[in-house]
Protein backbone atom coordinates (compact mmCIF):
# COMPACT_ATOMS: atom_id res chain seq x y z
CA UNK A 1 -2.04 -10.54 -6.37
CA UNK A 2 -4.40 -7.75 -5.36
CA UNK A 3 -3.27 -4.62 -3.51
CA UNK A 4 -4.69 -1.33 -2.29
CA UNK A 5 -2.28 1.40 -3.31
CA UNK A 6 -2.12 5.19 -3.27
CA UNK A 7 -1.09 6.82 -6.55
CA UNK A 8 -1.72 10.41 -5.47
CA UNK A 9 -2.15 12.13 -2.09
CA UNK A 10 -5.93 12.45 -2.08
CA UNK A 11 -7.00 10.73 1.15
CA UNK A 12 -9.49 7.89 0.76
CA UNK A 13 -10.27 8.85 -2.84
CA UNK A 14 -6.60 8.22 -3.70
CA UNK A 15 -6.81 4.53 -2.69
CA UNK A 16 -6.93 2.14 -5.65
CA UNK A 17 -7.65 -1.62 -5.41
CA UNK A 18 -5.81 -3.26 -8.29
CA UNK A 19 -3.91 -6.26 -9.59
CA UNK A 20 -0.13 -6.03 -9.12
CA UNK A 21 2.69 -8.42 -10.02
CA UNK A 22 3.85 -10.89 -7.37
CA UNK A 23 6.76 -9.54 -5.36
CA UNK A 24 10.17 -11.00 -6.16
CA UNK A 25 13.15 -10.29 -3.92
CA UNK A 26 16.31 -8.99 -5.52
CA UNK A 27 19.91 -9.56 -4.50
CA UNK A 28 20.32 -8.96 -0.72
CA UNK A 29 16.52 -8.51 -0.30
CA UNK A 30 14.13 -10.41 1.96
CA UNK A 31 10.54 -11.23 1.03
CA UNK A 32 8.19 -11.11 4.04
CA UNK A 33 4.72 -12.69 3.91
CA UNK A 34 2.13 -10.35 5.45
CA UNK A 35 -0.85 -12.16 6.97
CA UNK A 36 -2.88 -9.01 7.64
CA UNK A 37 -2.54 -5.25 7.76
CA UNK A 38 -4.77 -2.25 8.18
CA UNK A 39 -5.01 1.50 7.99
CA UNK A 40 -7.25 3.82 9.95
CA UNK A 41 -9.12 6.84 8.61
CA UNK A 42 -6.95 9.09 10.80
CA UNK A 43 -3.82 7.82 9.05
CA UNK A 44 -5.26 9.02 5.73
CA UNK A 45 -5.42 12.53 7.20
CA UNK A 46 -1.71 12.63 8.16
CA UNK A 47 0.13 15.64 6.66
CA UNK A 48 2.37 13.35 4.59
CA UNK A 49 -0.58 12.69 2.23
CA UNK A 50 -1.42 16.35 1.67
């Protein structure tokens, strides 16, 4: 599946669109299907990323 992930705290330039393995739940885990999600530009400026 495709995913947008952050590998380093660099704001928008840190976002990477890439192929990732399908999620597989482990023992005592739950797999939740996400229909849609989003992130705003302001969230990329949160102090946690810097």
